[in-house]
């Protein structure tokens, strides 16, 4: 009979998998509160995975006077580092969620306007596969840059061109 001493139990492996799966799922949400919970779950899953990677518990690594094999101190140091990193990420996301709540009354991440515009341009410029024989004109970067410049006009430049003061100017 073969005895495997360093094989982690199936329940620990399932727990790590469940923590990572739930953490990744929550990270993909728009609410910063759920993203925060996702970071916490991922951090705990990483800690548990590092604990399993350390192997079986043994004698203390510093006072290893007994005949029992010593435990690996590297896994403990890595877990401590993981706890500190998770705490820093949680504090940062919590600050972002709080600031978003103060400014907007919710903590949901909004779509970026530039990303929306680029996605709309990609849909417009996508070739039609139903009409594969038809030649479509190629869009160059210069044409897209000119269209972007025309769509996004800076207010200060428009005010300077009209001759009116930009901000805080005297009308007297």
N, C-alpha and C. Protein backbone atom coordinates (compact mmCIF):
# COMPACT_ATOMS: atom_id res chain seq x y z
N UNK A 1 0.84 -1.19 0.00
CA UNK A 1 0.00 0.00 0.00
C UNK A 1 0.88 1.24 0.00
N UNK A 2 0.55 2.18 -0.87
CA UNK A 2 1.32 3.42 -0.99
C UNK A 2 0.64 4.50 -0.17
N UNK A 3 1.41 5.17 0.67
CA UNK A 3 0.88 6.25 1.50
C UNK A 3 1.41 7.57 0.93
N UNK A 4 0.49 8.44 0.57
CA UNK A 4 0.87 9.76 0.03
C UNK A 4 0.71 10.80 1.11
N UNK A 5 1.81 11.29 1.63
CA UNK A 5 1.75 12.25 2.74
C UNK A 5 1.51 13.68 2.27
N UNK A 6 2.00 14.04 1.09
CA UNK A 6 1.94 15.44 0.66
C UNK A 6 0.78 15.74 -0.27
N UNK A 7 -0.18 14.86 -0.39
CA UNK A 7 -1.32 15.08 -1.26
C UNK A 7 -2.40 15.83 -0.49
N UNK A 8 -2.82 17.00 -0.99
CA UNK A 8 -3.86 17.74 -0.28
C UNK A 8 -5.21 17.04 -0.42
N UNK A 9 -6.08 17.30 0.52
CA UNK A 9 -7.39 16.65 0.48
C UNK A 9 -8.25 17.25 -0.63
N UNK A 10 -9.19 16.47 -1.09
CA UNK A 10 -10.07 16.91 -2.18
C UNK A 10 -10.95 18.08 -1.75
N UNK A 11 -11.31 18.12 -0.48
CA UNK A 11 -12.15 19.22 -0.01
C UNK A 11 -11.41 20.55 -0.07
N UNK A 12 -10.10 20.56 0.22
CA UNK A 12 -9.33 21.79 0.10
C UNK A 12 -9.20 22.22 -1.36
N UNK A 13 -9.00 21.24 -2.25
CA UNK A 13 -8.91 21.57 -3.67
C UNK A 13 -10.23 22.13 -4.19
N UNK A 14 -11.34 21.54 -3.77
CA UNK A 14 -12.65 22.07 -4.17
C UNK A 14 -12.89 23.46 -3.60
N UNK A 15 -12.45 23.69 -2.38
CA UNK A 15 -12.62 25.02 -1.77
C UNK A 15 -11.82 26.07 -2.53
N UNK A 16 -10.59 25.75 -2.91
CA UNK A 16 -9.77 26.69 -3.69
C UNK A 16 -10.44 26.97 -5.03
N UNK A 17 -10.91 25.93 -5.70
CA UNK A 17 -11.58 26.12 -6.99
C UNK A 17 -12.84 26.96 -6.87
N UNK A 18 -13.63 26.71 -5.82
CA UNK A 18 -14.86 27.49 -5.63
C UNK A 18 -14.55 28.94 -5.30
N UNK A 19 -13.53 29.18 -4.46
CA UNK A 19 -13.16 30.56 -4.13
C UNK A 19 -12.67 31.32 -5.36
N UNK A 20 -11.84 30.67 -6.16
CA UNK A 20 -11.35 31.32 -7.38
C UNK A 20 -12.48 31.56 -8.38
N UNK A 21 -13.36 30.60 -8.56
CA UNK A 21 -14.46 30.76 -9.52
C UNK A 21 -15.41 31.88 -9.08
N UNK A 22 -15.79 31.89 -7.81
CA UNK A 22 -16.68 32.94 -7.32
C UNK A 22 -16.00 34.30 -7.37
N UNK A 23 -14.69 34.34 -7.06
CA UNK A 23 -13.96 35.61 -7.10
C UNK A 23 -13.87 36.18 -8.50
N UNK A 24 -13.57 35.34 -9.47
CA UNK A 24 -13.49 35.82 -10.86
C UNK A 24 -14.86 36.26 -11.35
N UNK A 25 -15.91 35.51 -11.00
CA UNK A 25 -17.26 35.90 -11.40
C UNK A 25 -17.62 37.28 -10.83
N UNK A 26 -17.30 37.52 -9.57
CA UNK A 26 -17.63 38.80 -8.96
C UNK A 26 -16.77 39.93 -9.51
N UNK A 27 -15.53 39.63 -9.92
CA UNK A 27 -14.69 40.67 -10.51
C UNK A 27 -15.23 41.16 -11.85
N UNK A 28 -16.02 40.35 -12.53
CA UNK A 28 -16.56 40.73 -13.84
C UNK A 28 -17.85 41.54 -13.74
N UNK A 29 -18.33 41.81 -12.56
CA UNK A 29 -19.55 42.60 -12.36
C UNK A 29 -19.23 44.09 -12.47
N UNK A 30 -20.27 44.90 -12.62
CA UNK A 30 -20.09 46.35 -12.73
C UNK A 30 -20.09 47.06 -11.37
N UNK A 31 -20.67 46.45 -10.38
CA UNK A 31 -20.75 47.08 -9.07
C UNK A 31 -19.41 46.95 -8.36
N UNK A 32 -18.89 48.06 -7.83
CA UNK A 32 -17.61 48.02 -7.14
C UNK A 32 -17.68 47.22 -5.84
N UNK A 33 -18.86 47.13 -5.24
CA UNK A 33 -19.01 46.32 -4.03
C UNK A 33 -18.79 44.85 -4.37
N UNK A 34 -19.31 44.41 -5.49
CA UNK A 34 -19.09 43.02 -5.90
C UNK A 34 -17.64 42.78 -6.30
N UNK A 35 -17.02 43.77 -6.94
CA UNK A 35 -15.60 43.66 -7.27
C UNK A 35 -14.79 43.53 -5.99
N UNK A 36 -15.15 44.28 -4.98
CA UNK A 36 -14.48 44.22 -3.68
C UNK A 36 -14.59 42.81 -3.08
N UNK A 37 -15.79 42.25 -3.10
CA UNK A 37 -15.97 40.89 -2.60
C UNK A 37 -15.20 39.87 -3.44
N UNK A 38 -15.10 40.12 -4.75
CA UNK A 38 -14.32 39.25 -5.62
C UNK A 38 -12.85 39.25 -5.25
N UNK A 39 -12.29 40.43 -4.93
CA UNK A 39 -10.90 40.50 -4.48
C UNK A 39 -10.70 39.74 -3.18
N UNK A 40 -11.65 39.85 -2.27
CA UNK A 40 -11.54 39.14 -1.00
C UNK A 40 -11.55 37.63 -1.23
N UNK A 41 -12.47 37.16 -2.07
CA UNK A 41 -12.54 35.72 -2.34
C UNK A 41 -11.29 35.21 -3.06
N UNK A 42 -10.79 35.98 -4.02
CA UNK A 42 -9.56 35.59 -4.71
C UNK A 42 -8.38 35.55 -3.75
N UNK A 43 -8.30 36.52 -2.85
CA UNK A 43 -7.22 36.54 -1.87
C UNK A 43 -7.27 35.34 -0.95
N UNK A 44 -8.47 35.00 -0.48
CA UNK A 44 -8.60 33.83 0.39
C UNK A 44 -8.30 32.53 -0.36
N UNK A 45 -8.70 32.47 -1.63
CA UNK A 45 -8.37 31.29 -2.43
C UNK A 45 -6.87 31.16 -2.64
N UNK A 46 -6.19 32.28 -2.88
CA UNK A 46 -4.73 32.24 -3.04
C UNK A 46 -4.06 31.82 -1.73
N UNK A 47 -4.56 32.31 -0.61
CA UNK A 47 -3.97 31.92 0.68
C UNK A 47 -4.13 30.42 0.91
N UNK A 48 -5.28 29.89 0.61
CA UNK A 48 -5.52 28.47 0.80
C UNK A 48 -4.68 27.63 -0.16
N UNK A 49 -4.50 28.11 -1.39
CA UNK A 49 -3.66 27.40 -2.35
C UNK A 49 -2.20 27.40 -1.90
N UNK A 50 -1.73 28.53 -1.37
CA UNK A 50 -0.35 28.58 -0.87
C UNK A 50 -0.18 27.69 0.36
N UNK A 51 -1.20 27.62 1.19
CA UNK A 51 -1.14 26.75 2.36
C UNK A 51 -1.03 25.29 1.94
N UNK A 52 -1.79 24.91 0.92
CA UNK A 52 -1.70 23.53 0.42
C UNK A 52 -0.35 23.27 -0.23
N UNK A 53 0.22 24.27 -0.89
CA UNK A 53 1.51 24.09 -1.55
C UNK A 53 2.64 23.90 -0.54
N UNK A 54 2.44 24.36 0.69
CA UNK A 54 3.47 24.23 1.73
C UNK A 54 3.64 22.81 2.23
N UNK A 55 2.71 21.95 1.94
CA UNK A 55 2.82 20.56 2.38
C UNK A 55 2.26 20.36 3.78
N UNK A 56 2.56 19.19 4.33
CA UNK A 56 2.06 18.84 5.66
C UNK A 56 2.74 19.70 6.72
N UNK A 57 2.01 19.91 7.80
CA UNK A 57 2.58 20.64 8.93
C UNK A 57 3.66 19.79 9.56
N UNK A 58 4.73 20.42 9.96
CA UNK A 58 5.83 19.71 10.59
C UNK A 58 6.32 20.46 11.80
N UNK A 59 7.54 20.22 12.17
CA UNK A 59 8.14 20.90 13.31
C UNK A 59 8.37 22.37 12.96
N UNK A 60 8.46 23.23 13.95
CA UNK A 60 8.75 24.64 13.67
C UNK A 60 10.09 24.78 12.96
N UNK A 61 10.17 25.64 11.93
CA UNK A 61 11.38 25.72 11.13
C UNK A 61 12.57 26.31 11.88
N UNK A 62 12.32 27.12 12.91
CA UNK A 62 13.44 27.77 13.59
C UNK A 62 14.03 26.86 14.67
N UNK A 63 13.19 26.21 15.45
CA UNK A 63 13.67 25.36 16.54
C UNK A 63 13.49 23.89 16.20
N UNK A 64 13.87 23.51 15.01
CA UNK A 64 13.68 22.13 14.56
C UNK A 64 14.61 21.17 15.28
N UNK A 65 14.36 20.95 16.55
CA UNK A 65 15.21 20.09 17.36
C UNK A 65 14.73 18.65 17.29
N UNK A 66 13.49 18.44 16.94
CA UNK A 66 12.93 17.09 16.94
C UNK A 66 13.35 16.33 15.69
N UNK A 67 13.05 15.05 15.69
CA UNK A 67 13.38 14.20 14.54
C UNK A 67 12.35 14.36 13.42
N UNK A 68 11.24 15.04 13.72
CA UNK A 68 10.19 15.25 12.73
C UNK A 68 10.68 16.23 11.66
N UNK A 69 10.30 16.05 10.39
CA UNK A 69 10.73 17.00 9.36
C UNK A 69 10.12 18.38 9.58
N UNK A 70 10.88 19.40 9.20
CA UNK A 70 10.43 20.77 9.42
C UNK A 70 9.41 21.18 8.37
N UNK A 71 8.54 22.11 8.75
CA UNK A 71 7.58 22.65 7.79
C UNK A 71 8.27 23.72 6.96
N UNK A 72 7.72 23.99 5.81
CA UNK A 72 8.32 24.94 4.88
C UNK A 72 7.94 26.36 5.28
N UNK A 73 8.90 27.21 5.66
CA UNK A 73 8.56 28.59 6.06
C UNK A 73 8.23 29.49 4.87
N UNK A 74 8.60 29.09 3.65
CA UNK A 74 8.34 29.92 2.47
C UNK A 74 6.84 30.07 2.22
N UNK A 75 6.10 29.01 2.42
CA UNK A 75 4.64 29.09 2.21
C UNK A 75 4.01 30.06 3.20
N UNK A 76 4.48 30.06 4.42
CA UNK A 76 3.93 30.97 5.42
C UNK A 76 4.26 32.42 5.07
N UNK A 77 5.48 32.66 4.59
CA UNK A 77 5.86 34.02 4.19
C UNK A 77 5.04 34.48 2.99
N UNK A 78 4.79 33.58 2.06
CA UNK A 78 4.00 33.94 0.88
C UNK A 78 2.55 34.24 1.26
N UNK A 79 2.00 33.49 2.20
CA UNK A 79 0.64 33.75 2.66
C UNK A 79 0.57 35.11 3.34
N UNK A 80 1.56 35.43 4.15
CA UNK A 80 1.58 36.74 4.81
C UNK A 80 1.65 37.87 3.78
N UNK A 81 2.47 37.68 2.75
CA UNK A 81 2.56 38.68 1.68
C UNK A 81 1.23 38.79 0.94
N UNK A 82 0.58 37.67 0.69
CA UNK A 82 -0.72 37.67 0.01
C UNK A 82 -1.78 38.40 0.83
N UNK A 83 -1.74 38.23 2.12
CA UNK A 83 -2.70 38.94 2.99
C UNK A 83 -2.51 40.44 2.89
N UNK A 84 -1.26 40.89 2.89
CA UNK A 84 -0.97 42.32 2.80
C UNK A 84 -1.41 42.89 1.46
N UNK A 85 -1.15 42.18 0.37
CA UNK A 85 -1.55 42.65 -0.95
C UNK A 85 -3.06 42.70 -1.08
N UNK A 86 -3.74 41.67 -0.57
CA UNK A 86 -5.21 41.66 -0.61
C UNK A 86 -5.79 42.81 0.20
N UNK A 87 -5.21 43.07 1.35
CA UNK A 87 -5.68 44.19 2.17
C UNK A 87 -5.51 45.53 1.44
N UNK A 88 -4.40 45.70 0.76
CA UNK A 88 -4.18 46.95 0.02
C UNK A 88 -5.18 47.10 -1.12
N UNK A 89 -5.44 46.01 -1.87
CA UNK A 89 -6.41 46.07 -2.96
C UNK A 89 -7.81 46.34 -2.44
N UNK A 90 -8.18 45.71 -1.33
CA UNK A 90 -9.51 45.92 -0.75
C UNK A 90 -9.67 47.36 -0.29
N UNK A 91 -8.63 47.92 0.33
CA UNK A 91 -8.71 49.31 0.77
C UNK A 91 -8.86 50.26 -0.41
N UNK A 92 -8.13 49.99 -1.50
CA UNK A 92 -8.21 50.85 -2.69
C UNK A 92 -9.59 50.78 -3.34
N UNK A 93 -10.11 49.58 -3.53
CA UNK A 93 -11.43 49.43 -4.16
C UNK A 93 -12.53 49.98 -3.25
N UNK A 94 -12.38 49.82 -1.94
CA UNK A 94 -13.35 50.38 -1.01
C UNK A 94 -13.36 51.90 -1.08
N UNK A 95 -12.19 52.51 -1.20
CA UNK A 95 -12.11 53.97 -1.35
C UNK A 95 -12.75 54.42 -2.66
N UNK A 96 -12.52 53.66 -3.74
CA UNK A 96 -13.15 54.01 -5.02
C UNK A 96 -14.67 53.87 -4.95
N UNK A 97 -15.16 52.83 -4.31
CA UNK A 97 -16.60 52.63 -4.19
C UNK A 97 -17.23 53.72 -3.35
N UNK A 98 -16.56 54.10 -2.28
CA UNK A 98 -17.08 55.17 -1.42
C UNK A 98 -17.13 56.51 -2.17
N UNK A 99 -16.07 56.79 -2.91
CA UNK A 99 -16.03 58.05 -3.67
C UNK A 99 -17.09 58.05 -4.77
N UNK A 100 -17.29 56.92 -5.42
CA UNK A 100 -18.32 56.82 -6.45
C UNK A 100 -19.71 57.00 -5.83
N UNK A 101 -19.89 56.44 -4.65
CA UNK A 101 -21.18 56.59 -3.96
C UNK A 101 -21.42 58.06 -3.60
N UNK A 102 -20.38 58.75 -3.16
CA UNK A 102 -20.53 60.18 -2.83
C UNK A 102 -20.86 61.01 -4.06
N UNK A 103 -20.21 60.75 -5.17
CA UNK A 103 -20.39 61.57 -6.36
C UNK A 103 -21.66 61.25 -7.13
N UNK A 104 -21.98 59.96 -7.28
CA UNK A 104 -23.06 59.56 -8.17
C UNK A 104 -24.26 58.93 -7.47
N UNK A 105 -24.11 58.53 -6.21
CA UNK A 105 -25.22 57.88 -5.51
C UNK A 105 -25.28 56.39 -5.77
N UNK A 106 -24.33 55.84 -6.51
CA UNK A 106 -24.24 54.40 -6.75
C UNK A 106 -22.77 54.06 -6.96
N UNK A 107 -22.48 52.77 -6.93
CA UNK A 107 -21.08 52.36 -7.11
C UNK A 107 -20.89 51.53 -8.38
N UNK A 108 -21.74 51.76 -9.36
CA UNK A 108 -21.65 51.01 -10.60
C UNK A 108 -20.69 51.71 -11.56
N UNK A 109 -19.83 50.93 -12.19
CA UNK A 109 -18.86 51.46 -13.13
C UNK A 109 -19.57 51.73 -14.45
N UNK A 110 -19.42 52.94 -14.97
CA UNK A 110 -20.08 53.33 -16.21
C UNK A 110 -19.21 52.98 -17.41
N UNK A 111 -19.84 52.87 -18.57
CA UNK A 111 -19.09 52.64 -19.81
C UNK A 111 -18.30 53.89 -20.15
N UNK A 112 -17.11 53.69 -20.68
CA UNK A 112 -16.29 54.79 -21.14
C UNK A 112 -16.83 55.27 -22.49
N UNK A 113 -17.00 56.56 -22.64
CA UNK A 113 -17.56 57.11 -23.88
C UNK A 113 -16.67 56.81 -25.09
N UNK A 114 -15.36 56.85 -24.89
CA UNK A 114 -14.45 56.59 -25.99
C UNK A 114 -14.54 55.12 -26.42
N UNK A 115 -14.67 54.20 -25.46
CA UNK A 115 -14.83 52.79 -25.81
C UNK A 115 -16.12 52.56 -26.57
N UNK A 116 -17.19 53.24 -26.18
CA UNK A 116 -18.47 53.11 -26.87
C UNK A 116 -18.36 53.61 -28.30
N UNK A 117 -17.67 54.73 -28.49
CA UNK A 117 -17.49 55.29 -29.82
C UNK A 117 -16.67 54.36 -30.71
N UNK A 118 -15.61 53.79 -30.17
CA UNK A 118 -14.76 52.88 -30.94
C UNK A 118 -15.54 51.61 -31.30
N UNK A 119 -16.35 51.11 -30.37
CA UNK A 119 -17.16 49.92 -30.66
C UNK A 119 -18.17 50.22 -31.76
N UNK A 120 -18.77 51.42 -31.72
CA UNK A 120 -19.72 51.81 -32.77
C UNK A 120 -19.02 51.91 -34.12
N UNK A 121 -17.81 52.47 -34.16
CA UNK A 121 -17.06 52.56 -35.41
C UNK A 121 -16.68 51.17 -35.93
N UNK A 122 -16.37 50.26 -35.02
CA UNK A 122 -16.00 48.90 -35.44
C UNK A 122 -17.18 48.19 -36.06
N UNK A 123 -18.38 48.42 -35.54
CA UNK A 123 -19.57 47.79 -36.11
C UNK A 123 -19.87 48.38 -37.48
N UNK A 124 -19.70 49.68 -37.62
CA UNK A 124 -19.96 50.33 -38.90
C UNK A 124 -18.96 49.91 -39.97
N UNK A 125 -17.70 49.73 -39.58
CA UNK A 125 -16.65 49.42 -40.54
C UNK A 125 -16.47 47.92 -40.76
N UNK A 126 -17.21 47.10 -40.05
CA UNK A 126 -17.06 45.64 -40.20
C UNK A 126 -17.55 45.22 -41.57
N UNK A 127 -16.80 44.33 -42.22
CA UNK A 127 -17.22 43.87 -43.55
C UNK A 127 -18.45 42.98 -43.45
N UNK A 128 -19.29 43.09 -44.44
CA UNK A 128 -20.49 42.26 -44.50
C UNK A 128 -20.11 40.94 -45.16
N UNK A 129 -20.26 39.84 -44.45
CA UNK A 129 -19.88 38.55 -45.00
C UNK A 129 -20.95 38.00 -45.94
N UNK A 130 -22.13 38.56 -45.91
CA UNK A 130 -23.16 38.15 -46.87
C UNK A 130 -22.80 38.65 -48.26
N UNK A 131 -22.10 39.77 -48.33
CA UNK A 131 -21.69 40.38 -49.58
C UNK A 131 -20.19 40.25 -49.75
N UNK A 132 -19.65 39.05 -49.74
CA UNK A 132 -18.20 38.87 -49.74
C UNK A 132 -17.57 39.25 -51.08
N UNK A 133 -18.35 39.28 -52.18
CA UNK A 133 -17.79 39.62 -53.48
C UNK A 133 -17.59 41.13 -53.64
N UNK A 134 -18.37 41.91 -52.89
CA UNK A 134 -18.29 43.36 -53.03
C UNK A 134 -17.04 43.89 -52.35
N UNK A 135 -16.37 44.78 -53.02
CA UNK A 135 -15.18 45.41 -52.45
C UNK A 135 -15.61 46.59 -51.60
N UNK A 136 -15.11 46.62 -50.37
CA UNK A 136 -15.42 47.74 -49.48
C UNK A 136 -14.19 48.62 -49.38
N UNK A 137 -14.40 49.93 -49.32
CA UNK A 137 -13.24 50.83 -49.22
C UNK A 137 -12.53 50.64 -47.89
N UNK A 138 -11.22 50.68 -47.93
CA UNK A 138 -10.43 50.55 -46.71
C UNK A 138 -10.43 51.88 -45.96
N UNK A 139 -10.58 51.80 -44.65
CA UNK A 139 -10.56 53.00 -43.81
C UNK A 139 -9.15 53.16 -43.27
N UNK A 140 -8.58 54.32 -43.52
CA UNK A 140 -7.23 54.55 -43.04
C UNK A 140 -7.27 55.23 -41.69
N UNK A 141 -6.14 55.23 -41.03
CA UNK A 141 -6.06 55.87 -39.72
C UNK A 141 -6.23 57.38 -39.82
N UNK A 142 -5.78 57.97 -40.95
CA UNK A 142 -5.93 59.42 -41.11
C UNK A 142 -7.40 59.82 -41.17
N UNK A 143 -8.22 59.03 -41.86
CA UNK A 143 -9.64 59.33 -41.97
C UNK A 143 -10.30 59.20 -40.60
N UNK A 144 -9.92 58.15 -39.85
CA UNK A 144 -10.49 57.98 -38.51
C UNK A 144 -10.05 59.10 -37.58
N UNK A 145 -8.79 59.54 -37.70
CA UNK A 145 -8.29 60.62 -36.85
C UNK A 145 -9.04 61.91 -37.16
N UNK A 146 -9.29 62.19 -38.42
CA UNK A 146 -10.04 63.40 -38.77
C UNK A 146 -11.47 63.32 -38.25
N UNK A 147 -12.10 62.15 -38.37
CA UNK A 147 -13.46 62.00 -37.86
C UNK A 147 -13.50 62.16 -36.36
N UNK A 148 -12.51 61.63 -35.67
CA UNK A 148 -12.44 61.76 -34.21
C UNK A 148 -12.25 63.22 -33.83
N UNK A 149 -11.37 63.91 -34.54
CA UNK A 149 -11.11 65.31 -34.23
C UNK A 149 -12.37 66.15 -34.45
N UNK A 150 -13.13 65.83 -35.49
CA UNK A 150 -14.34 66.58 -35.77
C UNK A 150 -15.44 66.28 -34.75
N UNK A 151 -15.50 65.01 -34.28
CA UNK A 151 -16.54 64.65 -33.31
C UNK A 151 -16.26 65.21 -31.93
N UNK A 152 -15.01 65.18 -31.51
CA UNK A 152 -14.65 65.60 -30.16
C UNK A 152 -14.00 66.97 -30.27
N UNK A 153 -14.77 67.99 -30.04
CA UNK A 153 -14.25 69.36 -30.10
C UNK A 153 -14.02 69.84 -28.68
N UNK A 154 -12.85 70.41 -28.44
CA UNK A 154 -12.54 70.93 -27.11
C UNK A 154 -13.23 72.27 -26.92
N UNK A 155 -13.90 72.49 -25.77
CA UNK A 155 -14.62 73.75 -25.56
C UNK A 155 -13.70 74.95 -25.53
N UNK A 156 -12.48 74.81 -24.98
CA UNK A 156 -11.58 75.96 -24.91
C UNK A 156 -11.15 76.41 -26.30
N UNK A 157 -10.91 75.47 -27.19
CA UNK A 157 -10.50 75.81 -28.54
C UNK A 157 -11.64 76.51 -29.27
N UNK A 158 -12.87 76.03 -29.07
CA UNK A 158 -14.02 76.67 -29.72
C UNK A 158 -14.24 78.08 -29.18
N UNK A 159 -14.04 78.26 -27.88
CA UNK A 159 -14.22 79.59 -27.30
C UNK A 159 -13.13 80.54 -27.77
N UNK A 160 -11.89 80.05 -27.90
CA UNK A 160 -10.81 80.90 -28.36
C UNK A 160 -11.03 81.31 -29.81
N UNK A 161 -11.57 80.40 -30.62
CA UNK A 161 -11.82 80.72 -32.03
C UNK A 161 -12.92 81.76 -32.17
N UNK A 162 -13.89 81.77 -31.25
CA UNK A 162 -14.98 82.73 -31.34
C UNK A 162 -14.63 84.09 -30.76
N UNK A 163 -13.48 84.16 -30.04
CA UNK A 163 -13.04 85.44 -29.50
C UNK A 163 -13.58 85.73 -28.12
N UNK A 164 -14.41 84.86 -27.56
CA UNK A 164 -14.94 85.07 -26.21
C UNK A 164 -13.95 84.55 -25.20
N UNK A 165 -13.93 85.11 -23.98
CA UNK A 165 -13.03 84.59 -22.95
C UNK A 165 -13.44 83.18 -22.54
N UNK A 166 -12.45 82.35 -22.19
CA UNK A 166 -12.69 80.96 -21.88
C UNK A 166 -13.43 80.82 -20.55
N UNK A 167 -12.81 81.22 -19.45
CA UNK A 167 -13.43 81.09 -18.13
C UNK A 167 -13.03 82.28 -17.28
N UNK A 168 -13.98 82.76 -16.54
CA UNK A 168 -13.69 83.80 -15.58
C UNK A 168 -13.28 85.12 -16.19
N UNK A 169 -13.58 85.35 -17.43
CA UNK A 169 -13.22 86.60 -18.08
C UNK A 169 -14.16 87.72 -17.68
N UNK A 170 -13.67 88.96 -17.77
CA UNK A 170 -14.50 90.13 -17.44
C UNK A 170 -15.28 90.55 -18.65
N UNK A 171 -16.58 90.81 -18.46
CA UNK A 171 -17.41 91.30 -19.55
C UNK A 171 -17.43 92.82 -19.60
N UNK A 172 -16.81 93.49 -18.63
CA UNK A 172 -16.87 94.95 -18.54
C UNK A 172 -15.96 95.64 -19.49
